[in-house]
Amino acid sequence: MGEQQRLTFARLFLNKPNYAILDEATSALDIQNGERLYQQLQASNTTFLSVGHRSTLANYHAVVLEFSQDKSWQLKSD
C-alpha cells in the first residue's frame, strides 16, 4: 500500500495538476515520509484537499475541518 501511495505522489509531481483531492494519501507510510511528500506538495502550485486521521496533516493545510463523534464539527484556520 505504501508503494501505491508513493506512486500516486510521483504522478502528482509529474502531472502538476491545479487541484488534487487526497484520501488517506499517506496512511501506509511512516510519518517522516508522509511529511516529506506533503512538504513537496505544499511547495508545488497544486491546491489540495486532504482527508485523513493523522494530526500531523494539519501542518500542511491552511484550514482544517474537524468532525467529532457527536456529529459536531469545527473549522480551524491558521
Protein backbone atom coordinates (compact mmCIF):
# COMPACT_ATOMS: atom_id res chain seq x y z
CA MET A 1 0.00 0.00 0.00
CA GLY A 2 2.84 2.41 0.79
CA GLU A 3 4.29 1.82 -2.67
CA GLN A 4 0.97 2.76 -4.26
CA GLN A 5 0.79 5.92 -2.18
CA ARG A 6 4.31 6.97 -3.16
CA LEU A 7 3.46 6.27 -6.81
CA THR A 8 0.39 8.49 -6.52
CA PHE A 9 2.52 11.36 -5.25
CA ALA A 10 5.03 10.78 -8.06
CA ARG A 11 2.17 11.13 -10.54
CA LEU A 12 1.05 14.34 -8.86
CA PHE A 13 4.54 15.82 -9.08
CA LEU A 14 4.96 14.80 -12.73
CA ASN A 15 1.49 15.86 -13.93
CA LYS A 16 1.34 19.07 -11.86
CA PRO A 17 -2.45 19.34 -11.66
CA ASN A 18 -4.07 22.56 -10.46
CA TYR A 19 -6.11 20.65 -7.86
CA ALA A 20 -5.82 17.33 -6.02
CA ILE A 21 -8.06 15.51 -3.56
CA LEU A 22 -6.18 13.11 -1.30
CA ASP A 23 -7.94 10.47 0.79
CA GLU A 24 -5.65 8.90 3.43
CA ALA A 25 -2.81 9.54 0.97
CA THR A 26 -0.02 8.74 3.45
CA SER A 27 -1.75 6.33 5.83
CA ALA A 28 0.53 3.40 4.88
CA LEU A 29 3.71 5.48 5.13
CA ASP A 30 5.71 6.35 8.22
CA ILE A 31 5.22 9.88 9.48
CA GLN A 32 8.59 11.17 8.20
CA ASN A 33 8.00 10.03 4.62
CA GLY A 34 4.44 11.34 4.69
CA GLU A 35 5.67 14.72 5.88
CA ARG A 36 8.32 14.88 3.15
CA LEU A 37 5.70 14.21 0.49
CA TYR A 38 3.34 16.84 1.89
CA GLN A 39 6.21 19.36 2.08
CA GLN A 40 6.91 18.80 -1.62
CA LEU A 41 3.21 19.05 -2.44
CA GLN A 42 2.91 22.24 -0.43
CA ALA A 43 5.84 23.72 -2.38
CA SER A 44 4.15 22.91 -5.69
CA ASN A 45 1.45 25.01 -7.32
CA THR A 46 -1.20 22.35 -6.67
CA THR A 47 -4.15 23.28 -4.47
CA PHE A 48 -5.01 20.21 -2.42
CA LEU A 49 -7.71 18.94 -0.09
CA SER A 50 -6.88 16.04 2.22
CA VAL A 51 -8.94 13.58 4.21
CA GLY A 52 -7.01 11.84 6.96
CA HIS A 53 -6.70 10.87 10.58
CA ARG A 54 -3.12 11.89 11.32
CA SER A 55 -2.86 15.09 13.33
CA THR A 56 0.40 15.92 11.52
CA LEU A 57 -1.58 16.61 8.31
CA ALA A 58 -2.83 19.85 9.85
CA ASN A 59 0.68 21.29 9.50
CA TYR A 60 0.27 21.33 5.71
CA HIS A 61 -3.19 22.90 5.45
CA ALA A 62 -4.37 26.49 5.92
CA VAL A 63 -7.86 25.38 7.01
CA VAL A 64 -8.92 22.20 8.85
CA LEU A 65 -12.49 20.93 9.08
CA GLU A 66 -12.63 18.66 12.13
CA PHE A 67 -15.54 16.30 12.79
CA SER A 68 -16.34 14.89 16.24
CA GLN A 69 -18.07 11.66 17.17
CA ASP A 70 -21.07 13.63 18.49
CA LYS A 71 -21.65 14.81 14.88
CA SER A 72 -20.46 18.33 15.61
CA TRP A 73 -17.75 19.98 13.55
CA GLN A 74 -15.27 22.78 13.91
CA LEU A 75 -13.43 24.88 11.33
CA LYS A 76 -9.87 25.77 12.30
CA SER A 77 -7.60 28.11 10.38
CA ASP A 78 -4.09 29.48 10.84
